């Protein structure tokens, strides 16, 4: 296993191919939330550090690949002063 988190796993397959799988634990769908985005950064860093990886397959452990973002988690990131 190259990387294992609660939303993303990366495992080496054959011939320099790795599989990055979205599978958000405890949820019926995959979505971009803070956990998933943080783990995506860590997973990509782990892939970049592994010189044996030549290609990456992106897959999902759910019926739907990805439903979008949980915008409630990002409200503060876009908050502007009332006068703006």
PDB file of N, CA and C in Angstrom:
ATOM      1  N   UNK A   1       0.855  -1.178   0.000  1.00  0.00           N
ATOM      2  CA  UNK A   1       0.000   0.000   0.000  1.00  0.00           C
ATOM      3  C   UNK A   1       0.902   1.243   0.000  1.00  0.00           C
ATOM      4  N   UNK A   2       0.656   2.123  -0.928  1.00  0.00           N
ATOM      5  CA  UNK A   2       1.444   3.349  -1.023  1.00  0.00           C
ATOM      6  C   UNK A   2       0.904   4.413  -0.076  1.00  0.00           C
ATOM      7  N   UNK A   3      -0.424   4.469   0.051  1.00  0.00           N
ATOM      8  CA  UNK A   3      -1.053   5.441   0.949  1.00  0.00           C
ATOM      9  C   UNK A   3      -2.392   4.869   1.392  1.00  0.00           C
ATOM     10  N   UNK A   4      -2.740   5.090   2.667  1.00  0.00           N
ATOM     11  CA  UNK A   4      -4.036   4.628   3.173  1.00  0.00           C
ATOM     12  C   UNK A   4      -4.610   5.676   4.105  1.00  0.00           C
ATOM     13  N   UNK A   5      -5.784   6.178   3.748  1.00  0.00           N
ATOM     14  CA  UNK A   5      -6.479   7.147   4.574  1.00  0.00           C
ATOM     15  C   UNK A   5      -7.923   6.727   4.767  1.00  0.00           C
ATOM     16  N   UNK A   6      -8.749   7.644   5.242  1.00  0.00           N
ATOM     17  CA  UNK A   6     -10.170   7.363   5.475  1.00  0.00           C
ATOM     18  C   UNK A   6     -11.023   7.669   4.250  1.00  0.00           C
ATOM     19  N   UNK A   7     -10.469   8.380   3.288  1.00  0.00           N
ATOM     20  CA  UNK A   7     -11.204   8.726   2.075  1.00  0.00           C
ATOM     21  C   UNK A   7     -10.500   8.229   0.820  1.00  0.00           C
ATOM     22  N   UNK A   8      -9.200   8.040   0.903  1.00  0.00           N
ATOM     23  CA  UNK A   8      -8.400   7.691  -0.273  1.00  0.00           C
ATOM     24  C   UNK A   8      -7.385   6.611   0.088  1.00  0.00           C
ATOM     25  N   UNK A   9      -7.234   5.664  -0.836  1.00  0.00           N
ATOM     26  CA  UNK A   9      -6.153   4.686  -0.723  1.00  0.00           C
ATOM     27  C   UNK A   9      -5.413   4.653  -2.052  1.00  0.00           C
ATOM     28  N   UNK A  10      -4.145   4.338  -1.971  1.00  0.00           N
ATOM     29  CA  UNK A  10      -3.330   4.176  -3.173  1.00  0.00           C
ATOM     30  C   UNK A  10      -2.560   2.878  -3.022  1.00  0.00           C
ATOM     31  N   UNK A  11      -2.730   2.011  -4.005  1.00  0.00           N
ATOM     32  CA  UNK A  11      -1.978   0.760  -3.959  1.00  0.00           C
ATOM     33  C   UNK A  11      -1.274   0.535  -5.286  1.00  0.00           C
ATOM     34  N   UNK A  12      -0.140  -0.116  -5.195  1.00  0.00           N
ATOM     35  CA  UNK A  12       0.627  -0.459  -6.385  1.00  0.00           C
ATOM     36  C   UNK A  12      -0.011  -1.664  -7.053  1.00  0.00           C
ATOM     37  N   UNK A  13      -0.152  -1.589  -8.361  1.00  0.00           N
ATOM     38  CA  UNK A  13      -0.637  -2.719  -9.141  1.00  0.00           C
ATOM     39  C   UNK A  13       0.584  -3.348  -9.821  1.00  0.00           C
ATOM     40  N   UNK A  14       0.521  -3.590 -11.095  1.00  0.00           N
ATOM     41  CA  UNK A  14       1.657  -4.180 -11.812  1.00  0.00           C
ATOM     42  C   UNK A  14       2.256  -3.183 -12.793  1.00  0.00           C
ATOM     43  N   UNK A  15       3.487  -3.402 -13.159  1.00  0.00           N
ATOM     44  CA  UNK A  15       4.155  -2.657 -14.228  1.00  0.00           C
ATOM     45  C   UNK A  15       4.187  -1.151 -13.993  1.00  0.00           C
ATOM     46  N   UNK A  16       4.374  -0.732 -12.749  1.00  0.00           N
ATOM     47  CA  UNK A  16       4.489   0.687 -12.466  1.00  0.00           C
ATOM     48  C   UNK A  16       3.172   1.433 -12.423  1.00  0.00           C
ATOM     49  N   UNK A  17       2.069   0.708 -12.374  1.00  0.00           N
ATOM     50  CA  UNK A  17       0.740   1.328 -12.315  1.00  0.00           C
ATOM     51  C   UNK A  17       0.250   1.307 -10.880  1.00  0.00           C
ATOM     52  N   UNK A  18      -0.318   2.434 -10.442  1.00  0.00           N
ATOM     53  CA  UNK A  18      -0.907   2.538  -9.109  1.00  0.00           C
ATOM     54  C   UNK A  18      -2.383   2.884  -9.253  1.00  0.00           C
ATOM     55  N   UNK A  19      -3.183   2.467  -8.287  1.00  0.00           N
ATOM     56  CA  UNK A  19      -4.604   2.792  -8.260  1.00  0.00           C
ATOM     57  C   UNK A  19      -4.878   3.724  -7.095  1.00  0.00           C
ATOM     58  N   UNK A  20      -5.398   4.909  -7.387  1.00  0.00           N
ATOM     59  CA  UNK A  20      -5.852   5.854  -6.369  1.00  0.00           C
ATOM     60  C   UNK A  20      -7.366   5.711  -6.299  1.00  0.00           C
ATOM     61  N   UNK A  21      -7.853   5.214  -5.156  1.00  0.00           N
ATOM     62  CA  UNK A  21      -9.283   4.930  -5.022  1.00  0.00           C
ATOM     63  C   UNK A  21      -9.931   5.889  -4.031  1.00  0.00           C
ATOM     64  N   UNK A  22     -11.007   6.533  -4.477  1.00  0.00           N
ATOM     65  CA  UNK A  22     -11.841   7.348  -3.604  1.00  0.00           C
ATOM     66  C   UNK A  22     -12.870   6.429  -2.958  1.00  0.00           C
ATOM     67  N   UNK A  23     -12.938   6.423  -1.637  1.00  0.00           N
ATOM     68  CA  UNK A  23     -13.916   5.594  -0.931  1.00  0.00           C
ATOM     69  C   UNK A  23     -14.076   6.153   0.483  1.00  0.00           C
ATOM     70  N   UNK A  24     -14.841   7.221   0.606  1.00  0.00           N
ATOM     71  CA  UNK A  24     -15.008   7.943   1.857  1.00  0.00           C
ATOM     72  C   UNK A  24     -15.702   7.073   2.899  1.00  0.00           C
ATOM     73  N   UNK A  25     -14.976   6.719   3.933  1.00  0.00           N
ATOM     74  CA  UNK A  25     -15.462   5.843   4.989  1.00  0.00           C
ATOM     75  C   UNK A  25     -16.674   6.451   5.693  1.00  0.00           C
ATOM     76  N   UNK A  26     -17.699   5.635   5.918  1.00  0.00           N
ATOM     77  CA  UNK A  26     -18.874   6.063   6.660  1.00  0.00           C
ATOM     78  C   UNK A  26     -19.865   6.899   5.872  1.00  0.00           C
ATOM     79  N   UNK A  27     -19.640   7.059   4.577  1.00  0.00           N
ATOM     80  CA  UNK A  27     -20.526   7.848   3.715  1.00  0.00           C
ATOM     81  C   UNK A  27     -21.008   6.981   2.558  1.00  0.00           C
ATOM     82  N   UNK A  28     -22.213   7.272   2.067  1.00  0.00           N
ATOM     83  CA  UNK A  28     -22.754   6.502   0.947  1.00  0.00           C
ATOM     84  C   UNK A  28     -22.229   7.002  -0.394  1.00  0.00           C
ATOM     85  N   UNK A  29     -21.640   8.213  -0.403  1.00  0.00           N
ATOM     86  CA  UNK A  29     -21.089   8.795  -1.624  1.00  0.00           C
ATOM     87  C   UNK A  29     -19.713   9.384  -1.340  1.00  0.00           C
ATOM     88  N   UNK A  30     -18.939   9.563  -2.387  1.00  0.00           N
ATOM     89  CA  UNK A  30     -17.671  10.276  -2.283  1.00  0.00           C
ATOM     90  C   UNK A  30     -17.933  11.753  -2.536  1.00  0.00           C
ATOM     91  N   UNK A  31     -17.295  12.606  -1.762  1.00  0.00           N
ATOM     92  CA  UNK A  31     -17.428  14.048  -1.950  1.00  0.00           C
ATOM     93  C   UNK A  31     -16.128  14.712  -1.544  1.00  0.00           C
ATOM     94  N   UNK A  32     -15.902  15.889  -2.110  1.00  0.00           N
ATOM     95  CA  UNK A  32     -14.756  16.678  -1.682  1.00  0.00           C
ATOM     96  C   UNK A  32     -15.131  17.410  -0.408  1.00  0.00           C
ATOM     97  N   UNK A  33     -14.477  17.042   0.658  1.00  0.00           N
ATOM     98  CA  UNK A  33     -14.582  17.760   1.926  1.00  0.00           C
ATOM     99  C   UNK A  33     -13.144  17.989   2.394  1.00  0.00           C
ATOM    100  N   UNK A  34     -12.978  18.582   3.539  1.00  0.00           N
ATOM    101  CA  UNK A  34     -11.614  18.865   4.005  1.00  0.00           C
ATOM    102  C   UNK A  34     -10.777  17.590   4.126  1.00  0.00           C
ATOM    103  N   UNK A  35     -11.375  16.538   4.662  1.00  0.00           N
ATOM    104  CA  UNK A  35     -10.659  15.268   4.814  1.00  0.00           C
ATOM    105  C   UNK A  35     -10.177  14.749   3.460  1.00  0.00           C
ATOM    106  N   UNK A  36     -11.087  14.690   2.497  1.00  0.00           N
ATOM    107  CA  UNK A  36     -10.736  14.160   1.178  1.00  0.00           C
ATOM    108  C   UNK A  36      -9.659  15.005   0.511  1.00  0.00           C
ATOM    109  N   UNK A  37      -9.779  16.321   0.578  1.00  0.00           N
ATOM    110  CA  UNK A  37      -8.775  17.187  -0.053  1.00  0.00           C
ATOM    111  C   UNK A  37      -7.413  17.053   0.615  1.00  0.00           C
ATOM    112  N   UNK A  38      -7.393  16.967   1.944  1.00  0.00           N
ATOM    113  CA  UNK A  38      -6.119  16.774   2.655  1.00  0.00           C
ATOM    114  C   UNK A  38      -5.489  15.437   2.288  1.00  0.00           C
ATOM    115  N   UNK A  39      -6.302  14.401   2.245  1.00  0.00           N
ATOM    116  CA  UNK A  39      -5.773  13.081   1.890  1.00  0.00           C
ATOM    117  C   UNK A  39      -5.338  13.027   0.429  1.00  0.00           C
ATOM    118  N   UNK A  40      -6.024  13.747  -0.451  1.00  0.00           N
ATOM    119  CA  UNK A  40      -5.619  13.782  -1.847  1.00  0.00           C
ATOM    120  C   UNK A  40      -4.220  14.383  -1.970  1.00  0.00           C
ATOM    121  N   UNK A  41      -3.965  15.439  -1.226  1.00  0.00           N
ATOM    122  CA  UNK A  41      -2.631  16.052  -1.238  1.00  0.00           C
ATOM    123  C   UNK A  41      -1.585  15.054  -0.739  1.00  0.00           C
ATOM    124  N   UNK A  42      -1.880  14.350   0.349  1.00  0.00           N
ATOM    125  CA  UNK A  42      -0.935  13.376   0.901  1.00  0.00           C
ATOM    126  C   UNK A  42      -0.725  12.207  -0.059  1.00  0.00           C
ATOM    127  N   UNK A  43      -1.805  11.759  -0.695  1.00  0.00           N
ATOM    128  CA  UNK A  43      -1.708  10.639  -1.635  1.00  0.00           C
ATOM    129  C   UNK A  43      -0.859  11.022  -2.845  1.00  0.00           C
ATOM    130  N   UNK A  44      -1.057  12.223  -3.368  1.00  0.00           N
ATOM    131  CA  UNK A  44      -0.264  12.682  -4.508  1.00  0.00           C
ATOM    132  C   UNK A  44       1.206  12.809  -4.114  1.00  0.00           C
ATOM    133  N   UNK A  45       1.457  13.326  -2.921  1.00  0.00           N
ATOM    134  CA  UNK A  45       2.847  13.416  -2.442  1.00  0.00           C
ATOM    135  C   UNK A  45       3.482  12.031  -2.345  1.00  0.00           C
ATOM    136  N   UNK A  46       2.719  11.051  -1.854  1.00  0.00           N
ATOM    137  CA  UNK A  46       3.234   9.680  -1.745  1.00  0.00           C
ATOM    138  C   UNK A  46       3.512   9.099  -3.132  1.00  0.00           C
ATOM    139  N   UNK A  47       2.638   9.388  -4.097  1.00  0.00           N
ATOM    140  CA  UNK A  47       2.859   8.914  -5.459  1.00  0.00           C
ATOM    141  C   UNK A  47       4.100   9.554  -6.077  1.00  0.00           C
ATOM    142  N   UNK A  48       4.265  10.845  -5.872  1.00  0.00           N
ATOM    143  CA  UNK A  48       5.434  11.539  -6.425  1.00  0.00           C
ATOM    144  C   UNK A  48       6.731  11.013  -5.817  1.00  0.00           C
ATOM    145  N   UNK A  49       6.680  10.571  -4.576  1.00  0.00           N
ATOM    146  CA  UNK A  49       7.875  10.081  -3.893  1.00  0.00           C
ATOM    147  C   UNK A  49       8.252   8.660  -4.309  1.00  0.00           C
ATOM    148  N   UNK A  50       7.339   7.960  -4.972  1.00  0.00           N
ATOM    149  CA  UNK A  50       7.588   6.578  -5.382  1.00  0.00           C
ATOM    150  C   UNK A  50       8.023   6.548  -6.848  1.00  0.00           C
ATOM    151  N   UNK A  51       9.305   6.411  -7.078  1.00  0.00           N
ATOM    152  CA  UNK A  51       9.854   6.454  -8.435  1.00  0.00           C
ATOM    153  C   UNK A  51       9.396   5.287  -9.303  1.00  0.00           C
ATOM    154  N   UNK A  52       8.872   4.232  -8.696  1.00  0.00           N
ATOM    155  CA  UNK A  52       8.437   3.082  -9.491  1.00  0.00           C
ATOM    156  C   UNK A  52       7.087   3.321 -10.175  1.00  0.00           C
ATOM    157  N   UNK A  53       6.354   4.336  -9.738  1.00  0.00           N
ATOM    158  CA  UNK A  53       5.025   4.610 -10.302  1.00  0.00           C
ATOM    159  C   UNK A  53       5.173   5.380 -11.611  1.00  0.00           C
ATOM    160  N   UNK A  54       4.602   4.824 -12.665  1.00  0.00           N
ATOM    161  CA  UNK A  54       4.661   5.439 -13.998  1.00  0.00           C
ATOM    162  C   UNK A  54       3.297   5.949 -14.449  1.00  0.00           C
ATOM    163  N   UNK A  55       2.207   5.397 -13.875  1.00  0.00           N
ATOM    164  CA  UNK A  55       0.847   5.782 -14.256  1.00  0.00           C
ATOM    165  C   UNK A  55      -0.080   5.555 -13.069  1.00  0.00           C
ATOM    166  N   UNK A  56      -1.184   6.305 -13.054  1.00  0.00           N
ATOM    167  CA  UNK A  56      -2.153   6.202 -11.956  1.00  0.00           C
ATOM    168  C   UNK A  56      -3.549   6.022 -12.538  1.00  0.00           C
ATOM    169  N   UNK A  57      -4.252   5.038 -12.015  1.00  0.00           N
ATOM    170  CA  UNK A  57      -5.658   4.823 -12.352  1.00  0.00           C
ATOM    171  C   UNK A  57      -6.472   5.414 -11.205  1.00  0.00           C
ATOM    172  N   UNK A  58      -7.438   6.256 -11.527  1.00  0.00           N
ATOM    173  CA  UNK A  58      -8.312   6.870 -10.539  1.00  0.00           C
ATOM    174  C   UNK A  58      -9.620   6.105 -10.536  1.00  0.00           C
ATOM    175  N   UNK A  59     -10.018   5.583  -9.362  1.00  0.00           N
ATOM    176  CA  UNK A  59     -11.227   4.774  -9.294  1.00  0.00           C
ATOM    177  C   UNK A  59     -12.047   5.153  -8.064  1.00  0.00           C
ATOM    178  N   UNK A  60     -13.216   4.530  -7.953  1.00  0.00           N
ATOM    179  CA  UNK A  60     -14.126   4.800  -6.840  1.00  0.00           C
ATOM    180  C   UNK A  60     -14.597   3.494  -6.226  1.00  0.00           C
ATOM    181  N   UNK A  61     -14.731   3.494  -4.920  1.00  0.00           N
ATOM    182  CA  UNK A  61     -15.283   2.344  -4.223  1.00  0.00           C
ATOM    183  C   UNK A  61     -16.796   2.448  -4.054  1.00  0.00           C
ATOM    184  N   UNK A  62     -17.387   3.497  -4.604  1.00  0.00           N
ATOM    185  CA  UNK A  62     -18.833   3.741  -4.507  1.00  0.00           C
ATOM    186  C   UNK A  62     -19.472   3.574  -5.889  1.00  0.00           C
ATOM    187  N   UNK A  63     -20.812   3.488  -5.910  1.00  0.00           N
ATOM    188  CA  UNK A  63     -21.544   3.387  -7.179  1.00  0.00           C
ATOM    189  C   UNK A  63     -21.399   4.652  -8.016  1.00  0.00           C
ATOM    190  N   UNK A  64     -21.375   5.799  -7.336  1.00  0.00           N
ATOM    191  CA  UNK A  64     -21.192   7.076  -8.016  1.00  0.00           C
ATOM    192  C   UNK A  64     -19.756   7.515  -7.761  1.00  0.00           C
ATOM    193  N   UNK A  65     -19.067   7.942  -8.814  1.00  0.00           N
ATOM    194  CA  UNK A  65     -17.654   8.275  -8.676  1.00  0.00           C
ATOM    195  C   UNK A  65     -17.428   9.376  -7.648  1.00  0.00           C
ATOM    196  N   UNK A  66     -18.044  10.545  -7.833  1.00  0.00           N
ATOM    197  CA  UNK A  66     -17.866  11.688  -6.930  1.00  0.00           C
ATOM    198  C   UNK A  66     -19.058  12.609  -7.132  1.00  0.00           C
ATOM    199  N   UNK A  67     -19.732  12.993  -6.041  1.00  0.00           N
ATOM    200  CA  UNK A  67     -20.941  13.807  -6.194  1.00  0.00           C
ATOM    201  C   UNK A  67     -20.666  15.306  -6.180  1.00  0.00           C
ATOM    202  N   UNK A  68     -19.488  15.727  -5.767  1.00  0.00           N
ATOM    203  CA  UNK A  68     -19.162  17.151  -5.727  1.00  0.00           C
ATOM    204  C   UNK A  68     -18.517  17.503  -4.405  1.00  0.00           C
ATOM    205  N   UNK A  69     -18.698  18.764  -4.011  1.00  0.00           N
ATOM    206  CA  UNK A  69     -18.063  19.264  -2.793  1.00  0.00           C
ATOM    207  C   UNK A  69     -19.097  19.504  -1.703  1.00  0.00           C
ATOM    208  N   UNK A  70     -18.694  19.314  -0.471  1.00  0.00           N
ATOM    209  CA  UNK A  70     -19.516  19.660   0.680  1.00  0.00           C
ATOM    210  C   UNK A  70     -19.236  21.131   0.980  1.00  0.00           C
ATOM    211  N   UNK A  71     -20.016  22.024   0.370  1.00  0.00           N
ATOM    212  CA  UNK A  71     -19.727  23.460   0.462  1.00  0.00           C
ATOM    213  C   UNK A  71     -19.864  24.005   1.872  1.00  0.00           C
ATOM    214  N   UNK A  72     -20.577  23.293   2.738  1.00  0.00           N
ATOM    215  CA  UNK A  72     -20.713  23.779   4.113  1.00  0.00           C
ATOM    216  C   UNK A  72     -19.379  23.784   4.841  1.00  0.00           C
ATOM    217  N   UNK A  73     -18.451  22.969   4.388  1.00  0.00           N
ATOM    218  CA  UNK A  73     -17.129  22.916   5.016  1.00  0.00           C
ATOM    219  C   UNK A  73     -16.204  24.034   4.552  1.00  0.00           C
ATOM    220  N   UNK A  74     -16.592  24.751   3.495  1.00  0.00           N
ATOM    221  CA  UNK A  74     -15.707  25.749   2.911  1.00  0.00           C
ATOM    222  C   UNK A  74     -16.242  27.172   2.989  1.00  0.00           C
ATOM    223  N   UNK A  75     -17.338  27.375   3.700  1.00  0.00           N
ATOM    224  CA  UNK A  75     -17.953  28.701   3.800  1.00  0.00           C
ATOM    225  C   UNK A  75     -16.961  29.731   4.327  1.00  0.00           C
ATOM    226  N   UNK A  76     -16.240  29.404   5.356  1.00  0.00           N
ATOM    227  CA  UNK A  76     -15.290  30.353   5.953  1.00  0.00           C
ATOM    228  C   UNK A  76     -14.180  30.746   4.984  1.00  0.00           C
ATOM    229  N   UNK A  77     -13.839  29.855   4.094  1.00  0.00           N
ATOM    230  CA  UNK A  77     -12.776  30.150   3.129  1.00  0.00           C
ATOM    231  C   UNK A  77     -13.182  31.248   2.150  1.00  0.00           C
ATOM    232  N   UNK A  78     -14.485  31.428   1.949  1.00  0.00           N
ATOM    233  CA  UNK A  78     -14.960  32.400   0.979  1.00  0.00           C
ATOM    234  C   UNK A  78     -15.661  33.602   1.624  1.00  0.00           C
ATOM    235  N   UNK A  79     -15.694  33.632   2.939  1.00  0.00           N
ATOM    236  CA  UNK A  79     -16.371  34.719   3.641  1.00  0.00           C
ATOM    237  C   UNK A  79     -15.602  36.036   3.418  1.00  0.00           C
ATOM    238  N   UNK A  80     -16.386  37.075   3.112  1.00  0.00           N
ATOM    239  CA  UNK A  80     -15.824  38.406   2.903  1.00  0.00           C
ATOM    240  C   UNK A  80     -16.456  39.357   3.906  1.00  0.00           C
ATOM    241  N   UNK A  81     -15.816  40.472   4.161  1.00  0.00           N
ATOM    242  CA  UNK A  81     -16.408  41.470   5.047  1.00  0.00           C
ATOM    243  C   UNK A  81     -17.767  41.918   4.496  1.00  0.00           C
ATOM    244  N   UNK A  82     -18.684  42.280   5.393  1.00  0.00           N
ATOM    245  CA  UNK A  82     -20.038  42.679   4.991  1.00  0.00           C
ATOM    246  C   UNK A  82     -20.029  43.831   3.991  1.00  0.00           C
ATOM    247  N   UNK A  83     -19.108  44.759   4.136  1.00  0.00           N
ATOM    248  CA  UNK A  83     -19.072  45.899   3.209  1.00  0.00           C
ATOM    249  C   UNK A  83     -18.671  45.500   1.788  1.00  0.00           C
ATOM    250  N   UNK A  84     -18.044  44.344   1.624  1.00  0.00           N
ATOM    251  CA  UNK A  84     -17.693  43.881   0.280  1.00  0.00           C
ATOM    252  C   UNK A  84     -18.852  43.162  -0.353  1.00  0.00           C
TER     253      UNK A  84
END
